[in-house]
Protein backbone atom coordinates (compact mmCIF):
# COMPACT_ATOMS: atom_id res chain seq x y z
CA MET A 1 0.01 0.04 0.01
CA THR A 2 1.47 3.36 -0.99
CA GLU A 3 2.10 6.23 1.29
CA THR A 4 -0.71 8.10 -0.42
CA ASP A 5 -3.05 5.30 0.42
CA TYR A 6 -2.05 5.40 4.10
CA ALA A 7 -2.52 9.18 4.31
CA LEU A 8 -5.91 8.93 2.63
CA HIS A 9 -6.86 6.09 4.96
CA ARG A 10 -5.96 8.19 7.97
CA LYS A 11 -8.03 11.13 6.66
CA VAL A 12 -10.92 8.86 6.04
CA ALA A 13 -10.62 7.51 9.57
CA GLU A 14 -10.55 11.07 10.93
CA VAL A 15 -13.60 11.98 8.92
CA SER A 16 -15.34 8.85 10.17
CA ARG A 17 -14.55 9.76 13.80
CA LEU A 18 -15.82 13.29 13.32
CA VAL A 19 -18.97 11.97 11.67
CA VAL A 20 -19.59 9.66 14.69
CA GLN A 21 -19.01 12.64 17.07
CA VAL A 22 -21.43 14.69 15.08
CA ALA A 23 -23.99 11.84 15.24
CA GLU A 24 -23.53 11.64 19.01
CA GLN A 25 -23.88 15.36 19.37
CA VAL A 26 -26.95 15.35 17.18
CA GLY A 27 -28.46 12.67 19.45
CA HIS A 28 -27.57 14.65 22.47
CA VAL A 29 -29.09 17.84 21.05
CA SER A 30 -32.23 15.88 20.02
CA GLY A 31 -32.58 14.65 23.65
CA GLN A 32 -32.15 18.21 24.85
CA VAL A 33 -34.77 19.46 22.42
CA THR A 34 -37.18 16.75 23.63
CA ALA A 35 -36.52 17.81 27.25
CA VAL A 36 -37.08 21.47 26.33
CA GLU A 37 -40.34 20.54 24.59
CA ALA A 38 -41.52 18.64 27.68
CA GLY A 39 -40.57 21.56 29.84
CA THR A 40 -42.30 24.03 27.52
CA GLN A 41 -45.46 21.99 27.65
CA GLN A 42 -45.31 21.76 31.45
CA THR A 43 -44.75 25.55 31.50
CA ARG A 44 -47.69 26.09 29.27
CA THR A 45 -49.93 23.91 31.47
CA GLU A 46 -48.77 25.63 34.60
CA LEU A 47 -49.34 29.05 33.00
CA GLN A 48 -52.85 27.96 32.10
CA GLN A 49 -53.50 26.91 35.68
CA LEU A 50 -51.94 30.13 36.97
CA ARG A 51 -54.16 32.17 34.65
CA ASP A 52 -57.27 30.35 35.88
CA GLU A 53 -56.25 30.80 39.49
CA PHE A 54 -55.42 34.46 38.82
CA ARG A 55 -58.82 35.06 37.28
CA ALA A 56 -60.53 33.39 40.21
CA PHE A 57 -58.41 35.50 42.57
CA VAL A 58 -59.31 38.66 40.70
CA ASP A 59 -63.06 37.75 40.81
CA GLN A 60 -62.84 37.02 44.51
CA ALA A 61 -60.87 40.20 45.21
CA ARG A 62 -63.47 42.18 43.31
CA LEU A 63 -66.25 40.68 45.43
CA THR A 64 -64.30 41.23 48.62
CA ALA A 65 -63.52 44.84 47.66
CA ALA A 66 -67.20 45.55 46.79
CA LEU A 67 -68.25 43.97 50.08
CA GLN A 68 -65.77 46.03 52.11
CA ARG A 69 -66.84 49.26 50.29
CA ALA A 70 -70.50 48.45 50.90
CA GLU A 71 -69.90 47.78 54.61
CA THR A 72 -68.08 51.09 54.84
CA LYS A 73 -70.78 52.92 53.00
CA VAL A 74 -73.48 51.42 55.16
CA GLY A 75 -71.77 52.93 58.25
CA VAL A 76 -71.19 56.28 56.48
CA ILE A 77 -74.84 56.51 55.34
CA GLN A 78 -76.17 55.55 58.78
CA ASP A 79 -73.92 58.20 60.36
CA GLN A 80 -75.18 60.71 57.81
CA LEU A 81 -78.79 59.86 58.55
CA ASP A 82 -78.10 60.24 62.25
CA HIS A 83 -76.32 63.54 61.73
CA GLU A 84 -78.98 65.10 59.37
CA PHE A 85 -82.15 63.52 60.83
CA GLY A 86 -81.17 62.18 64.19
CA HIS A 87 -82.85 65.01 66.02
CA HIS A 88 -86.12 63.71 64.57
CA LYS A 89 -85.78 60.59 66.67
CA VAL A 90 -85.99 62.59 69.86
CA VAL A 91 -89.32 64.05 68.75
CA ARG A 92 -90.57 60.61 67.71
CA ARG A 93 -89.69 59.04 71.01
CA THR A 94 -91.41 61.90 72.80
CA ALA A 95 -94.68 61.65 70.91
CA VAL A 96 -95.91 58.29 72.21
CA GLY A 97 -94.32 58.91 75.54
CA MET A 98 -96.33 62.06 75.97
CA LEU A 99 -99.57 60.21 75.26
CA GLN A 100 -98.67 57.48 77.73
CA ALA A 101 -97.84 60.17 80.27
CA PHE A 102 -101.33 61.55 79.89
CA ASP A 103 -102.67 58.02 80.61
CA ILE A 104 -100.97 57.50 83.95
CA GLY A 105 -100.70 61.17 85.05
CA LEU A 106 -97.18 60.89 86.38
CA VAL A 107 -95.78 63.87 84.43
CA ALA A 108 -96.71 67.45 85.24
CA GLU A 109 -98.42 69.44 82.52
CA ASP A 110 -95.72 72.13 82.82
CA THR A 111 -93.10 69.57 82.17
CA VAL A 112 -94.96 68.25 79.11
CA ARG A 113 -95.42 71.76 77.77
CA MET A 114 -91.71 72.65 78.33
CA VAL A 115 -90.64 69.47 76.47
CA GLY A 116 -92.90 70.40 73.54
CA ASP A 117 -91.55 73.97 73.45
CA GLN A 118 -87.99 72.70 73.43
CA LEU A 119 -88.59 70.23 70.59
CA MET A 120 -90.35 72.94 68.62
CA LEU A 121 -87.18 75.05 68.83
CA GLN A 122 -84.82 72.21 68.07
CA THR A 123 -86.74 70.90 64.96
CA PRO A 124 -87.99 73.98 63.21
CA ARG A 125 -89.17 72.20 59.99
CA TYR A 126 -90.41 68.96 61.42
CA TRP A 127 -94.23 68.46 61.30
CA LEU A 128 -94.37 66.44 64.56
CA ALA A 129 -92.84 69.15 66.75
CA PRO A 130 -95.91 71.58 66.60
CA ALA A 131 -98.16 68.52 66.89
CA LEU A 132 -96.60 67.76 70.24
CA VAL A 133 -97.07 71.43 71.19
CA ALA A 134 -100.77 71.02 70.35
CA LEU A 135 -100.96 67.91 72.56
CA ALA A 136 -99.39 69.79 75.45
CA ALA A 137 -101.73 72.73 74.95
CA TRP A 138 -104.69 70.36 74.75
CA SER A 139 -103.63 68.71 78.00
CA SER A 140 -103.36 72.14 79.76
CA ASP A 141 -106.71 73.28 78.28
CA ASP A 142 -105.26 76.10 76.13
CA PRO A 143 -107.50 75.97 73.04
CA GLN A 144 -105.92 78.99 71.27
CA LEU A 145 -102.38 77.65 71.45
CA CYS A 146 -103.66 74.19 70.56
CA GLU A 147 -105.32 75.52 67.39
CA ARG A 148 -102.27 77.50 66.30
CA ALA A 149 -100.04 74.47 66.80
CA VAL A 150 -102.38 72.19 64.88
CA GLN A 151 -102.43 74.77 61.96
CA GLU A 152 -98.66 74.90 61.94
CA SER A 153 -98.29 71.13 61.97
CA PHE A 154 -100.95 70.86 59.18
CA ARG A 155 -99.04 73.46 57.12
CA ARG A 156 -95.85 71.38 57.36
CA SER A 157 -97.41 68.07 56.55
CA PRO A 158 -101.24 67.98 56.02
CA ASP A 159 -101.42 64.23 55.52
CA ARG A 160 -99.33 63.11 58.45
CA THR A 161 -100.99 65.64 60.72
CA SER A 162 -104.46 64.43 59.72
CA LEU A 163 -103.56 60.80 60.40
CA PHE A 164 -101.83 61.73 63.69
CA PHE A 165 -104.75 63.43 65.23
CA ALA A 166 -107.22 60.89 63.82
CA LEU A 167 -105.24 58.26 65.73
CA VAL A 168 -104.82 60.39 68.85
CA LEU A 169 -108.53 61.11 68.97
CA ARG A 170 -109.31 57.48 68.46
CA ARG A 171 -106.94 56.58 71.25
CA GLN A 172 -108.87 58.95 73.51
CA GLY A 173 -112.18 57.44 72.58
CA ARG A 174 -113.32 60.51 70.54
CA HIS A 175 -114.89 58.36 67.76
CA ALA A 176 -116.70 61.09 65.85
CA GLU A 177 -113.79 63.46 65.86
CA SER A 178 -111.42 60.72 64.86
CA THR A 179 -113.61 59.73 61.94
CA ARG A 180 -113.88 63.34 60.87
CA TRP A 181 -110.06 63.70 60.73
CA LEU A 182 -109.86 60.41 58.84
CA ARG A 183 -112.46 61.54 56.32
CA HIS A 184 -110.61 64.80 55.89
CA TYR A 185 -107.42 62.81 55.16
CA LEU A 186 -109.10 60.45 52.69
CA MET A 187 -110.84 63.21 50.75
CA ALA A 188 -107.50 64.98 50.16
CA GLN A 189 -105.81 61.88 48.72
CA ASP A 190 -105.07 61.11 45.13
CA PRO A 191 -105.04 57.28 44.72
CA ALA A 192 -102.41 57.63 41.97
CA ALA A 193 -100.03 59.71 44.18
CA LEU A 194 -100.40 58.75 47.82
CA GLY A 195 -97.94 59.92 50.43
CA ARG A 196 -95.78 57.33 52.15
CA GLU A 197 -97.75 57.82 55.38
CA PHE A 198 -100.65 56.04 53.74
CA ALA A 199 -99.12 52.72 54.93
CA VAL A 200 -100.37 53.67 58.34
CA ILE A 201 -103.93 53.31 56.98
CA LEU A 202 -103.26 49.70 56.11
CA GLU A 203 -101.77 49.16 59.50
CA SER A 204 -104.78 50.75 61.18
CA VAL A 205 -107.11 48.44 59.36
CA ALA A 206 -105.08 45.37 60.31
CA GLN A 207 -105.11 46.46 63.89
CA GLY A 208 -108.75 47.54 63.95
CA ALA A 209 -107.71 51.01 65.11
CA PHE A 210 -110.56 53.02 63.72
CA GLY A 211 -113.44 50.86 64.79
CA ALA A 212 -116.46 49.83 62.74
CA ALA A 213 -117.26 53.27 61.38
CA GLY A 214 -113.73 54.02 60.33
CA ARG A 215 -113.28 50.50 58.88
CA ALA A 216 -116.38 50.88 56.70
CA MET A 217 -115.19 54.29 55.45
CA LEU A 218 -111.77 52.90 54.64
CA ARG A 219 -113.16 49.80 52.90
CA ASP A 220 -115.53 51.85 50.72
CA THR A 221 -112.80 54.34 49.84
CA MET A 222 -110.22 51.74 49.00
CA ASP A 223 -112.59 49.66 46.91
CA GLU A 224 -113.40 52.80 44.97
CA TRP A 225 -109.69 53.51 44.42
CA HIS A 226 -109.02 49.97 43.40
CA GLY A 227 -111.89 50.16 40.79
CA LEU A 228 -110.51 53.43 39.42
CA LEU A 229 -106.99 52.01 39.02
CA ALA A 230 -108.12 48.64 37.82
CA GLY A 231 -108.77 50.09 34.38
CA ASP A 232 -105.24 51.44 34.10
CA GLU A 233 -103.42 48.67 32.26
CA ASP A 234 -100.01 50.28 32.72
CA ALA A 235 -100.51 50.39 36.52
CA GLN A 236 -101.71 46.79 36.58
CA ASP A 237 -98.73 45.69 34.41
CA ALA A 238 -96.34 47.53 36.63
CA GLN A 239 -97.54 45.59 39.64
CA ILE A 240 -97.42 42.25 37.78
CA GLU A 241 -93.85 43.04 36.72
CA ARG A 242 -92.91 43.83 40.32
CA TRP A 243 -94.27 40.56 41.48
CA ARG A 244 -92.41 38.82 38.74
CA ALA A 245 -89.21 40.49 39.92
CA GLU A 246 -90.02 39.33 43.46
CA ILE A 247 -90.56 35.78 42.34
CA GLY A 248 -87.47 35.91 40.25
CA THR A 249 -85.37 36.72 43.37
CA LEU A 250 -86.60 33.40 44.88
CA CYS A 251 -85.02 31.30 42.08
CA PRO A 252 -82.12 29.32 43.72
CA THR A 253 -78.83 29.16 41.84
CA VAL A 254 -78.12 25.86 40.08
CA THR A 255 -74.36 25.29 39.78
CA GLY A 256 -72.37 22.96 37.61
CA ASP A 257 -71.24 21.11 40.75
CA GLU A 258 -74.62 19.45 40.88
CA PHE A 259 -74.36 18.11 37.29
CA PRO A 260 -70.64 18.06 36.61
CA PHE A 261 -70.60 16.04 33.36
CA LEU A 262 -73.64 17.69 31.81
CA HIS A 263 -72.25 21.07 32.69
CA ARG A 264 -68.98 20.24 30.99
CA VAL A 265 -70.15 18.69 27.65
CA SER A 266 -73.64 20.04 26.88
CA PRO A 267 -74.00 23.37 25.01
CA GLN A 268 -77.55 23.59 26.37
CA TRP A 269 -76.29 23.63 30.08
CA PRO A 270 -76.92 27.42 30.69
CA GLN A 271 -80.55 26.89 29.50
CA LEU A 272 -80.96 23.73 31.58
CA ALA A 273 -79.57 25.47 34.71
CA GLN A 274 -81.90 28.47 34.28
CA VAL A 275 -84.95 26.28 33.75
CA LEU A 276 -84.27 24.13 36.80
CA SER A 277 -83.62 27.23 38.85
CA ALA A 278 -86.94 28.70 37.81
CA ALA A 279 -88.73 25.43 38.52
CA ARG A 280 -87.28 25.23 42.06
CA MET A 281 -88.66 28.68 42.60
CA GLN A 282 -92.08 27.07 43.14
CA GLN A 283 -91.11 25.51 46.49
CA ALA A 284 -89.34 28.67 47.59
CA VAL A 285 -92.53 30.73 46.82
CA LEU A 286 -94.73 28.27 48.59
CA ASP A 287 -92.53 28.10 51.71
CA LYS A 288 -92.18 31.95 51.94
CA TYR A 289 -95.79 32.96 51.50
CA THR A 290 -97.24 30.06 53.47
CA ALA A 291 -95.09 31.21 56.36
CA ILE A 292 -96.39 34.79 55.92
CA THR A 293 -100.06 33.79 55.87
CA ASP A 294 -99.76 31.25 58.60
CA ALA A 295 -97.90 33.47 61.01
CA GLU A 296 -99.91 34.03 64.12
CA HIS A 297 -100.88 37.63 64.90
CA HIS A 298 -101.82 38.55 68.47
CA PRO A 299 -103.45 42.00 68.42
CA SER A 300 -103.46 44.06 71.55
CA SER A 301 -106.59 43.85 73.66
CA ARG A 302 -106.27 47.62 74.57
CA ILE A 303 -107.06 50.24 72.03
CA GLU A 304 -104.37 52.42 73.50
CA ASP A 305 -101.65 49.81 72.91
CA ALA A 306 -102.90 49.26 69.30
CA VAL A 307 -102.89 52.94 68.50
CA ASP A 308 -99.59 53.59 70.17
CA ASP A 309 -98.09 50.91 67.95
CA ILE A 310 -99.49 52.51 64.85
CA LEU A 311 -98.43 56.02 66.04
CA ASP A 312 -94.91 54.64 66.46
CA ARG A 313 -95.03 53.60 62.78
CA LEU A 314 -96.42 56.96 61.62
CA VAL A 315 -93.95 59.10 63.39
CA SER A 316 -91.05 56.73 62.59
CA GLU A 317 -91.78 56.74 58.79
CA TYR A 318 -88.95 58.29 56.73
CA ASP A 319 -89.29 61.89 55.78
CA ASN A 320 -89.04 62.64 52.10
CA GLU A 321 -85.65 64.22 52.55
CA GLU A 322 -84.31 60.93 53.84
CA LEU A 323 -85.37 58.80 50.87
CA PRO A 324 -82.24 59.25 48.61
CA LEU A 325 -80.12 58.14 51.52
CA ARG A 326 -82.49 55.29 52.38
CA ARG A 327 -82.46 54.07 48.77
CA ASP A 328 -78.70 54.08 48.68
CA LEU A 329 -78.56 52.42 52.08
CA ALA A 330 -80.87 49.66 50.80
CA TYR A 331 -78.59 49.00 47.80
CA GLN A 332 -75.43 48.88 49.94
CA GLU A 333 -77.15 46.44 52.39
CA ALA A 334 -78.06 44.27 49.42
CA VAL A 335 -74.44 44.22 48.38
CA VAL A 336 -73.51 43.05 51.81
CA ALA A 337 -76.22 40.45 51.83
CA HIS A 338 -74.95 39.09 48.49
CA ASP A 339 -71.33 38.98 49.61
CA GLY A 340 -70.21 41.74 47.23
CA ASP A 341 -72.11 40.60 44.16
CA THR A 342 -73.12 44.04 42.86
CA ILE A 343 -75.08 42.59 39.87
CA ARG A 344 -77.52 40.58 42.10
CA ALA A 345 -77.62 43.49 44.64
CA ARG A 346 -78.62 45.98 41.92
CA ALA A 347 -81.27 43.61 40.63
CA ASP A 348 -82.75 43.34 44.12
CA ALA A 349 -82.58 47.07 44.70
CA ASP A 350 -84.10 47.89 41.33
CA ALA A 351 -86.92 45.45 41.89
CA ASP A 352 -87.83 47.31 45.09
CA SER A 353 -86.99 50.81 44.12
CA ALA A 354 -90.60 51.91 44.12
CA SER A 355 -90.67 51.42 47.86
CA TYR A 356 -88.53 54.52 48.28
CA ASP A 357 -90.49 56.89 45.95
CA VAL A 358 -91.87 60.10 47.52
CA THR A 359 -95.39 59.24 46.40
CA LEU A 360 -96.91 55.82 45.56
CA ASP A 361 -100.10 54.91 43.81
CA TYR A 362 -102.58 52.83 45.78
CA LEU A 363 -101.62 49.59 43.91
CA THR A 364 -97.91 50.12 44.65
CA VAL A 365 -98.70 50.68 48.32
CA GLN A 366 -100.39 47.31 48.41
CA SER A 367 -97.44 45.56 46.68
CA THR A 368 -94.89 47.28 48.88
CA ALA A 369 -96.78 46.29 52.03
CA ALA A 370 -96.74 42.68 50.75
CA LEU A 371 -93.21 42.51 49.42
CA ASN A 372 -91.17 44.90 51.58
CA PRO A 373 -93.23 46.03 54.59
CA SER A 374 -90.18 47.40 56.34
CA ALA A 375 -89.70 50.01 53.56
CA ILE A 376 -93.00 51.73 54.47
CA GLY A 377 -93.21 50.71 58.13
CA THR A 378 -96.01 48.18 58.14
CA SER A 379 -96.25 45.07 60.30
CA GLN A 380 -96.44 41.39 59.39
CA ALA A 381 -100.17 41.45 60.15
CA THR A 382 -100.67 44.11 57.51
CA ARG A 383 -98.40 42.11 55.18
CA ARG A 384 -100.67 39.15 55.33
CA LEU A 385 -103.63 41.21 54.26
CA ALA A 386 -101.68 42.99 51.54
CA VAL A 387 -100.53 39.62 50.07
CA ALA A 388 -104.14 38.64 49.87
CA ALA A 389 -104.99 41.95 48.23
CA CYS A 390 -102.30 41.32 45.57
CA ARG A 391 -103.39 37.84 44.75
CA ASP A 392 -104.41 38.69 41.19
CA TRP A 393 -101.01 40.19 40.43
CA PHE A 394 -99.38 37.38 42.30
CA HIS A 395 -101.27 34.86 40.17
CA HIS A 396 -100.52 36.51 36.81
CA ALA A 397 -96.79 36.86 37.63
CA HIS A 398 -96.54 33.25 38.87
CA GLN A 399 -98.30 31.87 35.82
CA ALA A 400 -96.18 33.95 33.48
CA ILE A 401 -92.92 32.84 35.00
CA SER A 402 -94.12 29.18 35.07
CA ALA A 403 -95.08 29.37 31.39
CA ASP A 404 -91.77 31.00 30.50
CA TYR A 405 -89.56 28.36 32.10
CA ARG A 406 -91.70 25.51 30.77
CA ALA A 407 -91.40 26.83 27.26
CA ALA A 408 -87.65 27.17 27.73
CA VAL A 409 -87.06 23.53 28.45
CA PRO A 410 -84.72 22.30 25.66
CA GLN A 411 -86.48 19.93 23.26
CA ASP A 412 -83.20 18.29 22.48
CA VAL A 413 -80.00 18.12 24.56
CA TRP A 414 -76.68 17.44 22.93
CA ALA A 415 -73.22 16.54 23.95
CA ARG A 416 -70.31 18.20 22.20
CA PHE A 417 -66.60 17.38 22.20
CA ASP A 418 -63.84 19.43 20.61
CA ALA A 419 -60.54 20.12 22.27
CA THR A 420 -56.82 20.44 21.66
CA TYR A 421 -54.41 18.06 23.37
CA PRO A 422 -50.63 18.83 23.56
CA ILE A 423 -48.55 15.90 22.35
CA GLY A 424 -44.86 16.62 22.80
CA SER A 425 -43.93 19.48 20.51
CA GLN A 426 -47.12 19.15 18.58
CA SER A 427 -50.80 19.26 19.42
CA PHE A 428 -53.80 17.23 18.30
CA THR A 429 -57.06 18.95 17.65
CA LEU A 430 -60.17 16.84 17.77
CA PRO A 431 -62.66 18.10 15.17
CA GLN A 432 -66.02 18.91 16.80
CA TRP A 433 -68.38 16.02 17.37
CA GLY A 434 -71.99 16.38 18.49
CA GLY A 435 -74.63 13.85 19.38
CA SER A 436 -78.22 14.08 20.69
CA PHE A 437 -79.07 12.27 23.89
CA ARG A 438 -82.23 11.12 22.13
CA THR A 439 -79.82 8.50 20.59
CA PRO A 440 -79.32 5.50 22.80
CA LEU A 441 -76.06 5.85 24.84
CA PRO A 442 -74.30 2.80 23.36
CA GLU A 443 -74.80 4.21 19.87
CA LEU A 444 -73.51 7.62 21.03
CA GLN A 445 -70.45 6.08 22.58
CA GLN A 446 -69.73 3.95 19.53
CA ASP A 447 -70.05 7.05 17.28
CA LEU A 448 -67.76 9.17 19.49
CA GLY A 449 -65.22 6.40 19.73
CA ALA A 450 -65.21 6.03 15.89
CA HIS A 451 -64.81 9.73 15.62
CA TRP A 452 -61.77 9.63 17.89
CA ASP A 453 -60.26 6.66 16.01
CA LYS A 454 -60.85 8.27 12.62
CA HIS A 455 -58.87 11.40 13.54
CA THR A 456 -56.23 10.05 15.93
CA ALA A 457 -55.00 7.29 13.54
CA PRO A 458 -53.61 9.65 10.91
CA PHE A 459 -52.16 11.93 13.52
CA ILE A 460 -50.28 9.06 15.16
CA ALA A 461 -49.18 7.73 11.82
CA ALA A 462 -47.79 11.17 10.95
CA LEU A 463 -45.48 10.99 13.98
CA GLY A 464 -43.74 7.93 12.48
CA TYR A 465 -40.15 8.05 11.16
CA ARG A 466 -39.78 8.98 7.45
CA TYR A 467 -37.30 6.26 6.33
CA ALA A 468 -37.38 7.03 2.60
CA GLY A 469 -35.85 10.44 2.75
CA LYS A 470 -33.20 9.50 5.25
CA VAL A 471 -32.09 6.33 3.28
CA ALA A 472 -32.03 8.30 0.01
CA VAL A 473 -29.62 10.81 1.53
CA ALA A 474 -27.44 8.01 2.97
CA VAL A 475 -27.29 6.27 -0.41
CA LEU A 476 -26.46 9.53 -2.13
CA VAL A 477 -23.58 10.20 0.22
CA ALA A 478 -22.27 6.63 -0.09
CA VAL A 479 -22.28 6.89 -3.94
CA LEU A 480 -20.51 10.20 -3.67
CA GLY A 481 -17.85 8.54 -1.41
CA LEU A 482 -17.48 5.71 -3.91
CA PHE A 483 -17.07 8.20 -6.70
CA ILE A 484 -14.41 10.18 -4.73
CA GLY A 485 -12.53 6.94 -3.89
CA ASN A 486 -12.44 5.84 -7.56
CA ALA A 487 -11.39 9.40 -8.60
CA VAL A 488 -8.34 9.33 -6.43
CA GLY A 489 -7.49 5.88 -7.50
CA SER A 490 -7.77 4.28 -4.10
CA PRO A 491 -9.80 1.09 -4.01
CA ALA A 492 -9.67 1.10 -0.17
CA ALA A 493 -11.24 4.49 0.05
CA ALA A 494 -13.91 3.53 -2.41
CA VAL A 495 -14.88 0.76 -0.01
CA VAL A 496 -14.31 2.35 3.35
CA ILE A 497 -16.04 5.66 2.72
CA PRO A 498 -19.44 4.08 1.67
CA LEU A 499 -19.21 1.65 4.63
CA LEU A 500 -18.56 4.53 7.09
CA VAL A 501 -21.39 6.56 5.62
CA ALA A 502 -23.74 3.54 5.83
CA ALA A 503 -22.78 2.87 9.44
CA VAL A 504 -23.36 6.47 10.50
CA ALA A 505 -26.62 6.67 8.51
CA ALA A 506 -27.80 3.41 10.15
CA LEU A 507 -27.01 4.90 13.57
CA VAL A 508 -28.83 8.18 12.89
CA ILE A 509 -31.81 6.42 11.33
CA ASN A 510 -32.09 4.01 14.16
CA GLN A 511 -32.08 6.83 16.73
CA GLY A 512 -34.59 8.78 14.79
CA ALA A 513 -36.82 5.76 14.38
CA SER A 514 -36.61 4.88 18.04
CA LYS A 515 -37.66 8.43 19.05
CA ALA A 516 -40.46 8.44 16.51
CA ARG A 517 -41.75 5.08 17.94
CA GLN A 518 -41.54 6.58 21.46
CA ALA A 519 -43.50 9.64 20.30
CA GLN A 520 -46.13 7.43 18.61
CA ASN A 521 -46.47 5.29 21.75
CA SER A 522 -46.71 8.35 23.95
CA ALA A 523 -49.34 9.85 21.67
CA ARG A 524 -51.21 6.60 21.50
CA VAL A 525 -51.35 6.41 25.29
CA LEU A 526 -52.29 10.02 25.84
CA LEU A 527 -54.94 10.10 23.15
CA GLY A 528 -56.21 6.76 24.33
CA GLU A 529 -56.72 8.18 27.84
CA ALA A 530 -58.35 11.29 26.33
CA LYS A 531 -60.71 9.05 24.32
CA ARG A 532 -61.67 6.98 27.37
CA ASP A 533 -62.19 10.23 29.38
CA ALA A 534 -64.46 11.55 26.66
CA LEU A 535 -66.50 8.33 26.66
CA HIS A 536 -66.67 8.48 30.48
CA GLN A 537 -67.85 12.10 30.30
CA LEU A 538 -70.50 11.16 27.74
CA ALA A 539 -71.84 8.45 29.92
CA GLY A 540 -71.80 10.73 32.95
CA ALA A 541 -73.56 13.47 31.07
CA SER A 542 -76.25 11.02 30.12
CA ALA A 543 -76.71 10.03 33.71
CA ASP A 544 -76.72 13.78 34.81
CA LEU A 545 -79.45 14.47 32.19
CA THR A 546 -81.62 11.73 33.75
CA THR A 547 -81.03 13.17 37.22
CA TRP A 548 -81.80 16.67 35.84
CA GLN A 549 -85.09 15.50 34.28
CA ASN A 550 -86.15 13.94 37.64
CA ALA A 551 -85.20 17.06 39.54
CA TYR A 552 -87.07 19.27 37.10
CA ALA A 553 -90.21 17.09 37.18
CA GLU A 554 -90.12 17.09 41.05
CA ALA A 555 -89.68 20.91 41.21
CA ASP A 556 -92.25 21.70 38.55
CA ALA A 557 -94.86 19.49 40.20
CA VAL A 558 -95.06 22.04 43.03
CA GLU A 559 -96.57 24.63 40.62
CA GLY A 560 -100.14 23.26 41.13
CA ARG A 561 -99.78 23.64 44.92
CA VAL A 562 -98.62 27.21 44.52
CA ARG A 563 -101.58 27.90 42.22
CA GLU A 564 -103.98 26.51 44.77
CA PHE A 565 -102.36 28.55 47.60
CA ILE A 566 -102.67 31.77 45.55
CA ALA A 567 -106.34 30.94 44.86
CA SER A 568 -106.89 30.37 48.62
CA LEU A 569 -105.81 33.98 49.41
CA SER A 570 -109.25 35.17 48.40
CA THR A 571 -110.54 33.81 51.76
CA ALA A 572 -107.75 35.58 53.77
CA ALA A 573 -109.63 38.96 53.81
CA ASP A 574 -113.07 40.22 54.47
CA GLY A 575 -115.02 39.66 51.32
CA ASN A 576 -113.33 41.02 48.23
CA SER A 577 -111.46 43.63 50.22
CA PRO A 578 -108.33 42.91 52.19
CA PHE A 579 -109.10 45.74 54.56
CA GLY A 580 -111.74 44.24 56.72
CA GLY A 581 -109.59 44.23 59.75
CA ARG A 582 -110.92 43.65 63.27
CA THR A 583 -112.56 45.61 66.00
CA VAL A 584 -110.63 45.81 69.24
CA PRO A 585 -112.46 44.72 72.40
CA ARG A 586 -112.38 48.21 73.91
CA GLU A 587 -114.35 49.76 71.11
CA GLY A 588 -117.29 51.83 72.31
CA LYS A 589 -115.92 52.43 75.80
CA PRO A 590 -115.12 55.99 76.82
CA ALA A 591 -111.49 56.76 77.21
């Protein structure tokens, strides 16, 4: 062998060694790339989890912040009310106390008069202050001062003054005078724009405060008002809508936790949740209003006590200047009640916003006394009668909501699957598949399984090693080596170079094929698990749908009982009027 052959042999061996090193480095880099891809996928998954957790944190932080702001504002508004209107409380407390002092005679007339004078000075615009001066003057037999004080009180608030003295005179057994003040009050009223103090009339009827004559007058007047407003379709519709809003607040929330699979795979889930929530409203309505109508009411056996209770409500009623603050306070308290959920709080506040209007029509007074008696200062006894009075609106609202949710029941419920699954450095996207639960579950599962197989098979096959291209390159390099060896006139090089190229190519191809098989096996396992999970979710959703149908049927079955209950309200009042009331035992006796 010539020296040239030896030199060429050494160069070929060096090239072979370098090729082997390059192949090893390529394998090492390939392993690092795979590790980087795995790390990238893990990072992507963790980022997705972090994003979901961050969104949940942001939502919770928003609720917490809204709750804290509402709690702070509640305190601020209450302080503002105390600062601006707190002096009225002193007058209110004094009013009934003064009447009770007259009963037992433990307080000197001079003391009563001095207290009335002080309150008159301290509350220059408040209607009740001159009314107390009139009481003190009446007690001390000073008719001129009494008349001037009554006129001043009447100038500041004609309606409240009329009611106040009607009740005071009734308390003292002055039936004719009491009825005259009451008639004066009623004749001045517009049933489409009643003052907020009118709620005291409802309370007086429930307590039997005005006796038989007063009760008859009130019943006739209110029946007349009801007839006048009954022809106003807008007013009637407004009350029906208010009752619908009230019933809507009684719909319990249905969460996906109750039906986890159906919630996850069915595009009809929001509709299903809303329908079931509305159906479960039936039991909530029945429970709430049965408790209201069944609550025992123990009226006072003394006319003084009954009237004192009503006077407390009259003098404690919010003044018109307080209403903006009271409305804001009601909203902030709703935010606190809903743990910072401002959307639900606003819905509740808007549904009851009419309770804080300066004037209310007669129909709205009835609804407010039934739905939010605390807003106008009526008792639970009055609420019971008001609910009975509102039975027609209650019935229409209930029937409308029942019809709406029944019409909203989906006629066909589907399952839908479409998702993207990361597979190493690639991702597999399952084309959307949908199936109706009207189809038997085995057929649905078979169809879904076939859908998975149809689209995963080519994806897994595409992950296989492409031998043809790699072998063609190896053959081309080997031929080139053979040509070079023949060109330099070295038979050894012509043999050694192709063999080295073939060995390196075999090593590279084997490594590539092994990694491709691993990728295919990994994809086959991951997609197989995803397929089994999808089939499991499909079966779970089918079972959830059956559970939902049973829950809906059970909830909806209560609708008939609610309808019967509403119809029974017609017997909860005296005849066709809810304002029959009662007569207290002391009626007719002199004070």
